Amino acid sequence: MHDPAALYQAFCRRDPALDGTVFVAVKTTGIYCRPVCRVRTPLARNVRFFRSAAAAEGAGYRPCLRCRPETAPFCPAWKGTQSTVDRALTLIEAGALDDDGIDALADRLGISARHLSRLFAQHLEASPTEIAQSLRIQRAKRMLDETALPIAVIASRAGFSSPRRMSATFVALYGRPPSKLRPSRPRATD
């Protein structure tokens, strides 16, 4: 391992280059952290350095609850709540809200529907339903532009519950029904 004095100096600077390669244990607290953790810097005599989280735990240290060093750097756990939002978006894009509601989506993610809505408001400034509606409109608009499929088929494939629902959504958003947004000659037939 590197020189302990140099490691301590890097730890004092919160050097991100050491993140995931060196773990800092504090003898007086029995806790180990990542070198970038924003806790108060302990005295050099109270610090031990380890190459892995497992080595620190093997020496009897507990992981810090603030920086969570026991998980590998840059894994989804490091992204925090953004990771949950990203997983939800992937499921919504796959049609999770086309047939089921927000409660079913939240259950799949292991959180409550209320918390899911809060996360979407925090990270995207929109609700899961608004995101799903936007994706449905995008799919329908693409099919209107690229195919000669009937409106009812497009509504079903885009995730709308009925052609009437799709038409109402298009009128509210574009001020005209989907049939009026279709180009004069569709480019492809499905």
N, C-alpha and C. Protein backbone atom coordinates (compact mmCIF):
# COMPACT_ATOMS: atom_id res chain seq x y z
N MET A 1 0.83 -1.19 0.00
CA MET A 1 0.00 0.00 0.00
C MET A 1 0.87 1.25 0.00
N HIS A 2 0.27 2.36 -0.32
CA HIS A 2 0.98 3.63 -0.37
C HIS A 2 1.50 4.03 1.00
N ASP A 3 2.29 5.06 1.00
CA ASP A 3 2.81 5.63 2.23
C ASP A 3 1.64 6.15 3.08
N PRO A 4 1.52 5.72 4.36
CA PRO A 4 0.40 6.17 5.20
C PRO A 4 0.32 7.69 5.34
N ALA A 5 1.43 8.39 5.37
CA ALA A 5 1.40 9.86 5.48
C ALA A 5 0.80 10.48 4.22
N ALA A 6 1.18 9.93 3.05
CA ALA A 6 0.63 10.44 1.78
C ALA A 6 -0.85 10.11 1.69
N LEU A 7 -1.23 8.93 2.16
CA LEU A 7 -2.65 8.56 2.16
C LEU A 7 -3.45 9.48 3.07
N TYR A 8 -2.88 9.79 4.23
CA TYR A 8 -3.58 10.67 5.15
C TYR A 8 -3.77 12.06 4.54
N GLN A 9 -2.75 12.56 3.86
CA GLN A 9 -2.85 13.87 3.21
C GLN A 9 -3.94 13.85 2.12
N ALA A 10 -3.97 12.76 1.34
CA ALA A 10 -5.01 12.62 0.31
C ALA A 10 -6.40 12.53 0.95
N PHE A 11 -6.47 11.84 2.09
CA PHE A 11 -7.73 11.73 2.83
C PHE A 11 -8.17 13.11 3.32
N CYS A 12 -7.23 13.91 3.81
CA CYS A 12 -7.56 15.27 4.28
C CYS A 12 -8.08 16.13 3.12
N ARG A 13 -7.57 15.89 1.91
CA ARG A 13 -8.03 16.64 0.72
C ARG A 13 -9.31 16.07 0.14
N ARG A 14 -9.75 14.92 0.63
CA ARG A 14 -10.93 14.21 0.09
C ARG A 14 -10.68 13.84 -1.37
N ASP A 15 -9.51 13.31 -1.66
CA ASP A 15 -9.07 13.00 -3.01
C ASP A 15 -9.94 11.91 -3.65
N PRO A 16 -10.70 12.22 -4.70
CA PRO A 16 -11.56 11.22 -5.33
C PRO A 16 -10.79 10.11 -6.05
N ALA A 17 -9.51 10.32 -6.32
CA ALA A 17 -8.71 9.29 -6.99
C ALA A 17 -8.57 8.04 -6.13
N LEU A 18 -8.70 8.18 -4.82
CA LEU A 18 -8.58 7.04 -3.91
C LEU A 18 -9.91 6.31 -3.68
N ASP A 19 -10.99 6.92 -4.12
CA ASP A 19 -12.31 6.35 -3.85
C ASP A 19 -12.45 4.96 -4.47
N GLY A 20 -12.75 3.99 -3.63
CA GLY A 20 -12.93 2.62 -4.08
C GLY A 20 -11.66 1.79 -4.05
N THR A 21 -10.51 2.45 -3.86
CA THR A 21 -9.24 1.71 -3.82
C THR A 21 -8.63 1.72 -2.42
N VAL A 22 -9.02 2.69 -1.60
CA VAL A 22 -8.53 2.79 -0.23
C VAL A 22 -9.73 3.07 0.67
N PHE A 23 -9.73 2.43 1.84
CA PHE A 23 -10.79 2.65 2.83
C PHE A 23 -10.12 3.12 4.11
N VAL A 24 -10.74 4.08 4.77
CA VAL A 24 -10.16 4.73 5.93
C VAL A 24 -10.94 4.30 7.17
N ALA A 25 -10.23 3.69 8.13
CA ALA A 25 -10.86 3.27 9.38
C ALA A 25 -10.38 4.17 10.51
N VAL A 26 -11.30 4.48 11.40
CA VAL A 26 -10.97 5.34 12.54
C VAL A 26 -10.99 4.48 13.80
N LYS A 27 -9.85 4.36 14.45
CA LYS A 27 -9.70 3.48 15.61
C LYS A 27 -10.62 3.89 16.76
N THR A 28 -10.78 5.18 16.98
CA THR A 28 -11.55 5.65 18.14
C THR A 28 -13.05 5.43 17.99
N THR A 29 -13.55 5.39 16.77
CA THR A 29 -15.00 5.20 16.57
C THR A 29 -15.35 3.79 16.14
N GLY A 30 -14.39 3.06 15.58
CA GLY A 30 -14.66 1.71 15.09
C GLY A 30 -15.40 1.72 13.76
N ILE A 31 -15.32 2.82 13.04
CA ILE A 31 -16.05 2.97 11.77
C ILE A 31 -15.05 3.19 10.64
N TYR A 32 -15.37 2.65 9.46
CA TYR A 32 -14.54 2.93 8.29
C TYR A 32 -15.36 3.65 7.23
N CYS A 33 -14.66 4.47 6.43
CA CYS A 33 -15.31 5.33 5.44
C CYS A 33 -14.58 5.27 4.11
N ARG A 34 -15.19 5.89 3.12
CA ARG A 34 -14.52 6.18 1.86
C ARG A 34 -13.64 7.40 2.09
N PRO A 35 -12.57 7.56 1.32
CA PRO A 35 -11.71 8.73 1.49
C PRO A 35 -12.39 10.06 1.13
N VAL A 36 -13.51 10.02 0.44
CA VAL A 36 -14.21 11.26 0.06
C VAL A 36 -15.34 11.61 1.03
N CYS A 37 -15.51 10.83 2.08
CA CYS A 37 -16.59 11.07 3.04
C CYS A 37 -16.41 12.44 3.71
N ARG A 38 -17.51 13.14 3.92
CA ARG A 38 -17.47 14.50 4.46
C ARG A 38 -17.52 14.57 6.00
N VAL A 39 -17.17 13.49 6.67
CA VAL A 39 -17.14 13.52 8.13
C VAL A 39 -15.94 14.34 8.60
N ARG A 40 -15.95 14.69 9.88
CA ARG A 40 -14.83 15.45 10.43
C ARG A 40 -13.55 14.61 10.33
N THR A 41 -12.48 15.22 9.90
CA THR A 41 -11.22 14.50 9.69
C THR A 41 -10.62 14.11 11.04
N PRO A 42 -10.39 12.81 11.25
CA PRO A 42 -9.78 12.37 12.50
C PRO A 42 -8.27 12.64 12.51
N LEU A 43 -7.68 12.53 13.67
CA LEU A 43 -6.23 12.70 13.79
C LEU A 43 -5.53 11.55 13.08
N ALA A 44 -4.35 11.82 12.57
CA ALA A 44 -3.59 10.81 11.82
C ALA A 44 -3.30 9.57 12.66
N ARG A 45 -3.05 9.76 13.95
CA ARG A 45 -2.72 8.60 14.80
C ARG A 45 -3.92 7.67 15.01
N ASN A 46 -5.12 8.14 14.72
CA ASN A 46 -6.33 7.34 14.91
C ASN A 46 -6.83 6.68 13.63
N VAL A 47 -6.06 6.78 12.56
CA VAL A 47 -6.52 6.31 11.25
C VAL A 47 -5.73 5.07 10.80
N ARG A 48 -6.46 4.13 10.19
CA ARG A 48 -5.84 2.97 9.52
C ARG A 48 -6.39 2.93 8.10
N PHE A 49 -5.57 2.47 7.16
CA PHE A 49 -5.99 2.37 5.77
C PHE A 49 -6.09 0.91 5.36
N PHE A 50 -7.11 0.59 4.57
CA PHE A 50 -7.32 -0.77 4.08
C PHE A 50 -7.53 -0.72 2.57
N ARG A 51 -7.20 -1.83 1.92
CA ARG A 51 -7.39 -1.93 0.46
C ARG A 51 -8.82 -2.26 0.07
N SER A 52 -9.58 -2.82 0.98
CA SER A 52 -10.96 -3.20 0.64
C SER A 52 -11.87 -3.02 1.84
N ALA A 53 -13.16 -2.92 1.55
CA ALA A 53 -14.14 -2.83 2.62
C ALA A 53 -14.15 -4.12 3.43
N ALA A 54 -13.96 -5.24 2.76
CA ALA A 54 -13.95 -6.53 3.45
C ALA A 54 -12.80 -6.60 4.46
N ALA A 55 -11.64 -6.04 4.10
CA ALA A 55 -10.50 -6.04 5.01
C ALA A 55 -10.80 -5.19 6.24
N ALA A 56 -11.44 -4.04 6.05
CA ALA A 56 -11.80 -3.19 7.19
C ALA A 56 -12.81 -3.89 8.09
N GLU A 57 -13.79 -4.54 7.48
CA GLU A 57 -14.77 -5.28 8.28
C GLU A 57 -14.13 -6.45 9.00
N GLY A 58 -13.20 -7.11 8.33
CA GLY A 58 -12.48 -8.22 8.94
C GLY A 58 -11.66 -7.79 10.15
N ALA A 59 -11.23 -6.53 10.15
CA ALA A 59 -10.47 -5.99 11.28
C ALA A 59 -11.39 -5.47 12.38
N GLY A 60 -12.71 -5.61 12.19
CA GLY A 60 -13.66 -5.23 13.23
C GLY A 60 -14.29 -3.87 13.10
N TYR A 61 -14.14 -3.22 11.97
CA TYR A 61 -14.73 -1.89 11.78
C TYR A 61 -16.11 -2.00 11.13
N ARG A 62 -16.99 -1.06 11.48
CA ARG A 62 -18.33 -0.98 10.91
C ARG A 62 -18.35 0.05 9.80
N PRO A 63 -19.20 -0.15 8.76
CA PRO A 63 -19.26 0.84 7.67
C PRO A 63 -19.96 2.13 8.12
N CYS A 64 -19.50 3.23 7.58
CA CYS A 64 -20.09 4.55 7.83
C CYS A 64 -21.50 4.57 7.25
N LEU A 65 -22.43 5.14 7.98
CA LEU A 65 -23.81 5.23 7.48
C LEU A 65 -23.99 6.39 6.51
N ARG A 66 -23.04 7.32 6.49
CA ARG A 66 -23.15 8.47 5.60
C ARG A 66 -22.65 8.13 4.19
N CYS A 67 -21.45 7.58 4.06
CA CYS A 67 -20.86 7.36 2.73
C CYS A 67 -21.02 5.92 2.23
N ARG A 68 -21.50 5.00 3.06
CA ARG A 68 -21.80 3.62 2.69
C ARG A 68 -20.64 2.95 1.94
N PRO A 69 -19.49 2.81 2.58
CA PRO A 69 -18.32 2.27 1.90
C PRO A 69 -18.40 0.78 1.58
N GLU A 70 -19.35 0.08 2.17
CA GLU A 70 -19.43 -1.37 1.95
C GLU A 70 -19.93 -1.74 0.56
N THR A 71 -20.47 -0.76 -0.16
CA THR A 71 -20.88 -1.01 -1.54
C THR A 71 -19.80 -0.48 -2.47
N ALA A 72 -19.67 -1.09 -3.61
CA ALA A 72 -18.62 -0.68 -4.54
C ALA A 72 -18.90 0.72 -5.10
N PRO A 73 -17.87 1.51 -5.32
CA PRO A 73 -18.09 2.84 -5.90
C PRO A 73 -18.74 2.75 -7.28
N PHE A 74 -19.58 3.72 -7.53
CA PHE A 74 -20.23 3.90 -8.83
C PHE A 74 -21.27 2.84 -9.16
N CYS A 75 -21.66 2.02 -8.21
CA CYS A 75 -22.76 1.09 -8.44
C CYS A 75 -24.08 1.87 -8.25
N PRO A 76 -25.23 1.29 -8.58
CA PRO A 76 -26.49 2.03 -8.43
C PRO A 76 -26.73 2.58 -7.03
N ALA A 77 -26.21 1.92 -6.01
CA ALA A 77 -26.42 2.43 -4.65
C ALA A 77 -25.81 3.81 -4.46
N TRP A 78 -24.73 4.12 -5.19
CA TRP A 78 -24.11 5.43 -5.06
C TRP A 78 -24.98 6.52 -5.64
N LYS A 79 -25.81 6.18 -6.61
CA LYS A 79 -26.66 7.18 -7.24
C LYS A 79 -27.85 7.53 -6.35
N GLY A 80 -28.07 6.74 -5.33
CA GLY A 80 -29.16 7.02 -4.39
C GLY A 80 -30.52 6.94 -5.05
N THR A 81 -31.35 7.93 -4.78
CA THR A 81 -32.73 7.89 -5.27
C THR A 81 -32.82 8.02 -6.79
N GLN A 82 -31.81 8.61 -7.42
CA GLN A 82 -31.82 8.70 -8.88
C GLN A 82 -31.85 7.31 -9.50
N SER A 83 -31.22 6.35 -8.84
CA SER A 83 -31.22 4.97 -9.32
C SER A 83 -32.64 4.41 -9.36
N THR A 84 -33.43 4.71 -8.34
CA THR A 84 -34.82 4.25 -8.31
C THR A 84 -35.63 4.90 -9.42
N VAL A 85 -35.41 6.19 -9.64
CA VAL A 85 -36.12 6.90 -10.71
C VAL A 85 -35.74 6.31 -12.06
N ASP A 86 -34.45 6.03 -12.25
CA ASP A 86 -33.99 5.44 -13.52
C ASP A 86 -34.65 4.08 -13.76
N ARG A 87 -34.73 3.25 -12.72
CA ARG A 87 -35.39 1.94 -12.85
C ARG A 87 -36.86 2.12 -13.18
N ALA A 88 -37.51 3.08 -12.52
CA ALA A 88 -38.93 3.34 -12.80
C ALA A 88 -39.13 3.80 -14.23
N LEU A 89 -38.26 4.67 -14.72
CA LEU A 89 -38.37 5.14 -16.10
C LEU A 89 -38.22 4.00 -17.10
N THR A 90 -37.30 3.10 -16.83
CA THR A 90 -37.12 1.94 -17.70
C THR A 90 -38.39 1.10 -17.74
N LEU A 91 -39.00 0.89 -16.57
CA LEU A 91 -40.24 0.11 -16.52
C LEU A 91 -41.40 0.85 -17.21
N ILE A 92 -41.46 2.16 -17.02
CA ILE A 92 -42.52 2.94 -17.67
C ILE A 92 -42.36 2.89 -19.18
N GLU A 93 -41.12 3.03 -19.66
CA GLU A 93 -40.88 2.95 -21.11
C GLU A 93 -41.26 1.58 -21.66
N ALA A 94 -41.16 0.54 -20.85
CA ALA A 94 -41.54 -0.80 -21.26
C ALA A 94 -43.05 -1.02 -21.14
N GLY A 95 -43.79 -0.01 -20.66
CA GLY A 95 -45.24 -0.10 -20.60
C GLY A 95 -45.81 -0.47 -19.25
N ALA A 96 -45.05 -0.30 -18.18
CA ALA A 96 -45.52 -0.70 -16.85
C ALA A 96 -46.79 0.04 -16.42
N LEU A 97 -46.97 1.28 -16.86
CA LEU A 97 -48.17 2.02 -16.47
C LEU A 97 -49.27 1.95 -17.53
N ASP A 98 -49.05 1.22 -18.62
CA ASP A 98 -50.08 1.10 -19.64
C ASP A 98 -51.23 0.22 -19.17
N ASP A 99 -50.89 -0.85 -18.43
CA ASP A 99 -51.91 -1.78 -17.96
C ASP A 99 -52.14 -1.69 -16.46
N ASP A 100 -51.07 -1.44 -15.71
CA ASP A 100 -51.16 -1.37 -14.26
C ASP A 100 -51.00 0.06 -13.80
N GLY A 101 -51.31 0.32 -12.54
CA GLY A 101 -51.22 1.66 -12.00
C GLY A 101 -49.90 1.93 -11.30
N ILE A 102 -49.83 3.09 -10.68
CA ILE A 102 -48.63 3.51 -9.97
C ILE A 102 -48.35 2.59 -8.79
N ASP A 103 -49.40 2.09 -8.14
CA ASP A 103 -49.19 1.18 -7.00
C ASP A 103 -48.43 -0.06 -7.42
N ALA A 104 -48.78 -0.65 -8.56
CA ALA A 104 -48.09 -1.85 -9.04
C ALA A 104 -46.64 -1.53 -9.40
N LEU A 105 -46.41 -0.37 -10.01
CA LEU A 105 -45.04 0.03 -10.34
C LEU A 105 -44.22 0.22 -9.07
N ALA A 106 -44.79 0.90 -8.09
CA ALA A 106 -44.09 1.13 -6.82
C ALA A 106 -43.77 -0.19 -6.13
N ASP A 107 -44.72 -1.14 -6.17
CA ASP A 107 -44.47 -2.47 -5.58
C ASP A 107 -43.29 -3.16 -6.26
N ARG A 108 -43.21 -3.05 -7.58
CA ARG A 108 -42.08 -3.65 -8.31
C ARG A 108 -40.75 -3.04 -7.91
N LEU A 109 -40.78 -1.77 -7.52
CA LEU A 109 -39.56 -1.07 -7.12
C LEU A 109 -39.26 -1.21 -5.62
N GLY A 110 -40.23 -1.75 -4.87
CA GLY A 110 -40.03 -1.95 -3.44
C GLY A 110 -40.22 -0.69 -2.60
N ILE A 111 -41.00 0.26 -3.11
CA ILE A 111 -41.28 1.49 -2.37
C ILE A 111 -42.78 1.78 -2.44
N SER A 112 -43.23 2.78 -1.71
CA SER A 112 -44.65 3.14 -1.75
C SER A 112 -44.93 4.04 -2.95
N ALA A 113 -46.16 4.07 -3.38
CA ALA A 113 -46.57 4.92 -4.50
C ALA A 113 -46.35 6.40 -4.17
N ARG A 114 -46.59 6.75 -2.93
CA ARG A 114 -46.40 8.14 -2.51
C ARG A 114 -44.92 8.53 -2.60
N HIS A 115 -44.04 7.64 -2.15
CA HIS A 115 -42.61 7.93 -2.22
C HIS A 115 -42.15 8.01 -3.68
N LEU A 116 -42.66 7.13 -4.53
CA LEU A 116 -42.33 7.16 -5.95
C LEU A 116 -42.72 8.50 -6.56
N SER A 117 -43.90 8.98 -6.23
CA SER A 117 -44.35 10.28 -6.73
C SER A 117 -43.45 11.41 -6.24
N ARG A 118 -43.02 11.34 -4.98
CA ARG A 118 -42.10 12.36 -4.45
C ARG A 118 -40.77 12.34 -5.19
N LEU A 119 -40.25 11.14 -5.47
CA LEU A 119 -38.97 11.02 -6.18
C LEU A 119 -39.07 11.60 -7.59
N PHE A 120 -40.19 11.33 -8.26
CA PHE A 120 -40.38 11.86 -9.61
C PHE A 120 -40.48 13.38 -9.57
N ALA A 121 -41.18 13.92 -8.58
CA ALA A 121 -41.30 15.37 -8.46
C ALA A 121 -39.92 15.98 -8.19
N GLN A 122 -39.12 15.33 -7.35
CA GLN A 122 -37.79 15.84 -7.01
C GLN A 122 -36.83 15.79 -8.19
N HIS A 123 -36.81 14.67 -8.92
CA HIS A 123 -35.81 14.47 -9.97
C HIS A 123 -36.28 14.90 -11.37
N LEU A 124 -37.59 14.81 -11.64
CA LEU A 124 -38.08 15.08 -12.99
C LEU A 124 -39.11 16.20 -13.08
N GLU A 125 -39.58 16.67 -11.92
CA GLU A 125 -40.62 17.70 -11.86
C GLU A 125 -41.87 17.30 -12.63
N ALA A 126 -42.17 16.01 -12.62
CA ALA A 126 -43.38 15.48 -13.27
C ALA A 126 -43.75 14.19 -12.53
N SER A 127 -45.00 13.82 -12.64
CA SER A 127 -45.46 12.58 -12.00
C SER A 127 -45.18 11.38 -12.91
N PRO A 128 -45.19 10.18 -12.36
CA PRO A 128 -45.02 8.99 -13.20
C PRO A 128 -46.10 8.91 -14.28
N THR A 129 -47.31 9.32 -13.94
CA THR A 129 -48.40 9.29 -14.92
C THR A 129 -48.14 10.27 -16.07
N GLU A 130 -47.63 11.45 -15.74
CA GLU A 130 -47.32 12.43 -16.79
C GLU A 130 -46.20 11.93 -17.70
N ILE A 131 -45.22 11.27 -17.12
CA ILE A 131 -44.13 10.70 -17.92
C ILE A 131 -44.67 9.62 -18.84
N ALA A 132 -45.50 8.74 -18.29
CA ALA A 132 -46.08 7.65 -19.10
C ALA A 132 -46.94 8.22 -20.22
N GLN A 133 -47.72 9.25 -19.92
CA GLN A 133 -48.57 9.88 -20.94
C GLN A 133 -47.72 10.48 -22.06
N SER A 134 -46.64 11.13 -21.68
CA SER A 134 -45.73 11.72 -22.68
C SER A 134 -45.13 10.63 -23.57
N LEU A 135 -44.74 9.52 -22.98
CA LEU A 135 -44.19 8.41 -23.77
C LEU A 135 -45.23 7.81 -24.71
N ARG A 136 -46.48 7.69 -24.23
CA ARG A 136 -47.56 7.18 -25.10
C ARG A 136 -47.77 8.10 -26.30
N ILE A 137 -47.78 9.40 -26.04
CA ILE A 137 -47.97 10.37 -27.11
C ILE A 137 -46.82 10.27 -28.12
N GLN A 138 -45.60 10.15 -27.63
CA GLN A 138 -44.45 10.02 -28.52
C GLN A 138 -44.55 8.77 -29.39
N ARG A 139 -44.95 7.65 -28.78
CA ARG A 139 -45.09 6.41 -29.56
C ARG A 139 -46.19 6.56 -30.61
N ALA A 140 -47.32 7.12 -30.20
CA ALA A 140 -48.44 7.29 -31.13
C ALA A 140 -48.06 8.25 -32.26
N LYS A 141 -47.42 9.34 -31.92
CA LYS A 141 -47.02 10.32 -32.93
C LYS A 141 -46.05 9.69 -33.95
N ARG A 142 -45.12 8.89 -33.45
CA ARG A 142 -44.17 8.22 -34.34
C ARG A 142 -44.91 7.26 -35.29
N MET A 143 -45.87 6.51 -34.75
CA MET A 143 -46.63 5.58 -35.60
C MET A 143 -47.51 6.33 -36.59
N LEU A 144 -48.07 7.46 -36.18
CA LEU A 144 -48.87 8.26 -37.10
C LEU A 144 -48.01 8.75 -38.26
N ASP A 145 -46.78 9.14 -37.96
CA ASP A 145 -45.87 9.66 -38.97
C ASP A 145 -45.33 8.57 -39.89
N GLU A 146 -45.09 7.39 -39.33
CA GLU A 146 -44.35 6.37 -40.08
C GLU A 146 -45.18 5.22 -40.64
N THR A 147 -46.44 5.10 -40.23
CA THR A 147 -47.24 3.96 -40.68
C THR A 147 -48.60 4.41 -41.19
N ALA A 148 -49.29 3.48 -41.81
CA ALA A 148 -50.67 3.72 -42.27
C ALA A 148 -51.65 2.94 -41.41
N LEU A 149 -51.25 2.55 -40.23
CA LEU A 149 -52.12 1.78 -39.33
C LEU A 149 -53.35 2.58 -38.96
N PRO A 150 -54.47 1.90 -38.73
CA PRO A 150 -55.67 2.60 -38.27
C PRO A 150 -55.43 3.22 -36.88
N ILE A 151 -56.14 4.28 -36.59
CA ILE A 151 -56.00 5.00 -35.32
C ILE A 151 -56.22 4.06 -34.13
N ALA A 152 -57.19 3.15 -34.22
CA ALA A 152 -57.48 2.23 -33.12
C ALA A 152 -56.28 1.33 -32.82
N VAL A 153 -55.61 0.87 -33.86
CA VAL A 153 -54.43 0.01 -33.68
C VAL A 153 -53.28 0.82 -33.08
N ILE A 154 -53.10 2.03 -33.56
CA ILE A 154 -52.05 2.89 -33.02
C ILE A 154 -52.31 3.17 -31.54
N ALA A 155 -53.55 3.46 -31.19
CA ALA A 155 -53.89 3.73 -29.79
C ALA A 155 -53.54 2.54 -28.91
N SER A 156 -53.87 1.36 -29.37
CA SER A 156 -53.58 0.14 -28.60
C SER A 156 -52.08 -0.09 -28.48
N ARG A 157 -51.35 0.02 -29.58
CA ARG A 157 -49.90 -0.22 -29.56
C ARG A 157 -49.14 0.85 -28.79
N ALA A 158 -49.65 2.06 -28.78
CA ALA A 158 -48.98 3.15 -28.05
C ALA A 158 -49.24 3.09 -26.55
N GLY A 159 -50.21 2.27 -26.13
CA GLY A 159 -50.48 2.12 -24.70
C GLY A 159 -51.69 2.85 -24.19
N PHE A 160 -52.48 3.46 -25.09
CA PHE A 160 -53.70 4.13 -24.66
C PHE A 160 -54.78 3.08 -24.39
N SER A 161 -55.66 3.36 -23.44
CA SER A 161 -56.71 2.39 -23.11
C SER A 161 -57.78 2.31 -24.18
N SER A 162 -57.93 3.36 -25.00
CA SER A 162 -58.91 3.35 -26.09
C SER A 162 -58.56 4.42 -27.11
N PRO A 163 -59.07 4.29 -28.34
CA PRO A 163 -58.86 5.34 -29.34
C PRO A 163 -59.44 6.68 -28.90
N ARG A 164 -60.54 6.64 -28.17
CA ARG A 164 -61.17 7.87 -27.69
C ARG A 164 -60.25 8.60 -26.71
N ARG A 165 -59.60 7.82 -25.83
CA ARG A 165 -58.66 8.41 -24.87
C ARG A 165 -57.47 9.05 -25.59
N MET A 166 -56.98 8.36 -26.62
CA MET A 166 -55.86 8.90 -27.39
C MET A 166 -56.29 10.19 -28.10
N SER A 167 -57.46 10.18 -28.69
CA SER A 167 -57.96 11.36 -29.40
C SER A 167 -58.11 12.54 -28.45
N ALA A 168 -58.66 12.30 -27.28
CA ALA A 168 -58.83 13.38 -26.29
C ALA A 168 -57.48 13.94 -25.86
N THR A 169 -56.50 13.07 -25.70
CA THR A 169 -55.16 13.52 -25.31
C THR A 169 -54.53 14.37 -26.40
N PHE A 170 -54.69 13.94 -27.67
CA PHE A 170 -54.12 14.71 -28.78
C PHE A 170 -54.82 16.06 -28.93
N VAL A 171 -56.13 16.08 -28.75
CA VAL A 171 -56.87 17.34 -28.86
C VAL A 171 -56.41 18.29 -27.75
N ALA A 172 -56.22 17.76 -26.54
CA ALA A 172 -55.78 18.62 -25.43
C ALA A 172 -54.37 19.15 -25.67
N LEU A 173 -53.49 18.34 -26.24
CA LEU A 173 -52.10 18.73 -26.42
C LEU A 173 -51.87 19.53 -27.70
N TYR A 174 -52.43 19.05 -28.81
CA TYR A 174 -52.15 19.66 -30.11
C TYR A 174 -53.29 20.51 -30.65
N GLY A 175 -54.45 20.43 -30.02
CA GLY A 175 -55.60 21.19 -30.50
C GLY A 175 -56.28 20.57 -31.71
N ARG A 176 -55.96 19.32 -32.00
CA ARG A 176 -56.58 18.60 -33.13
C ARG A 176 -56.50 17.10 -32.89
N PRO A 177 -57.36 16.33 -33.52
CA PRO A 177 -57.34 14.88 -33.34
C PRO A 177 -56.12 14.26 -34.04
N PRO A 178 -55.79 13.03 -33.69
CA PRO A 178 -54.62 12.39 -34.28
C PRO A 178 -54.70 12.25 -35.79
N SER A 179 -55.89 12.06 -36.33
CA SER A 179 -56.03 11.91 -37.78
C SER A 179 -55.57 13.16 -38.54
N LYS A 180 -55.68 14.32 -37.92
CA LYS A 180 -55.26 15.57 -38.55
C LYS A 180 -53.74 15.78 -38.46
N LEU A 181 -53.08 15.02 -37.63
CA LEU A 181 -51.62 15.13 -37.49
C LEU A 181 -50.89 14.17 -38.41
N ARG A 182 -51.62 13.27 -39.02
CA ARG A 182 -51.02 12.28 -39.90
C ARG A 182 -50.57 12.95 -41.19
N PRO A 183 -49.36 12.64 -41.67
CA PRO A 183 -48.92 13.21 -42.94
C PRO A 183 -49.80 12.71 -44.09
N SER A 184 -49.78 13.42 -45.18
CA SER A 184 -50.65 13.06 -46.31
C SER A 184 -50.32 11.66 -46.85
N ARG A 185 -49.04 11.28 -46.86
CA ARG A 185 -48.66 9.93 -47.31
C ARG A 185 -47.76 9.28 -46.26
N PRO A 186 -48.24 8.25 -45.59
CA PRO A 186 -47.37 7.56 -44.64
C PRO A 186 -46.21 6.91 -45.36
N ARG A 187 -45.04 6.85 -44.67
CA ARG A 187 -43.84 6.31 -45.28
C ARG A 187 -43.78 4.79 -45.29
N ALA A 188 -44.36 4.16 -44.30
CA ALA A 188 -44.28 2.69 -44.22
C ALA A 188 -45.59 2.12 -43.73
N THR A 189 -45.84 0.88 -44.08
CA THR A 189 -47.04 0.18 -43.62
C THR A 189 -46.61 -0.95 -42.72
N ASP A 190 -47.32 -1.15 -41.62
CA ASP A 190 -46.97 -2.23 -40.70
C ASP A 190 -47.95 -3.35 -40.76
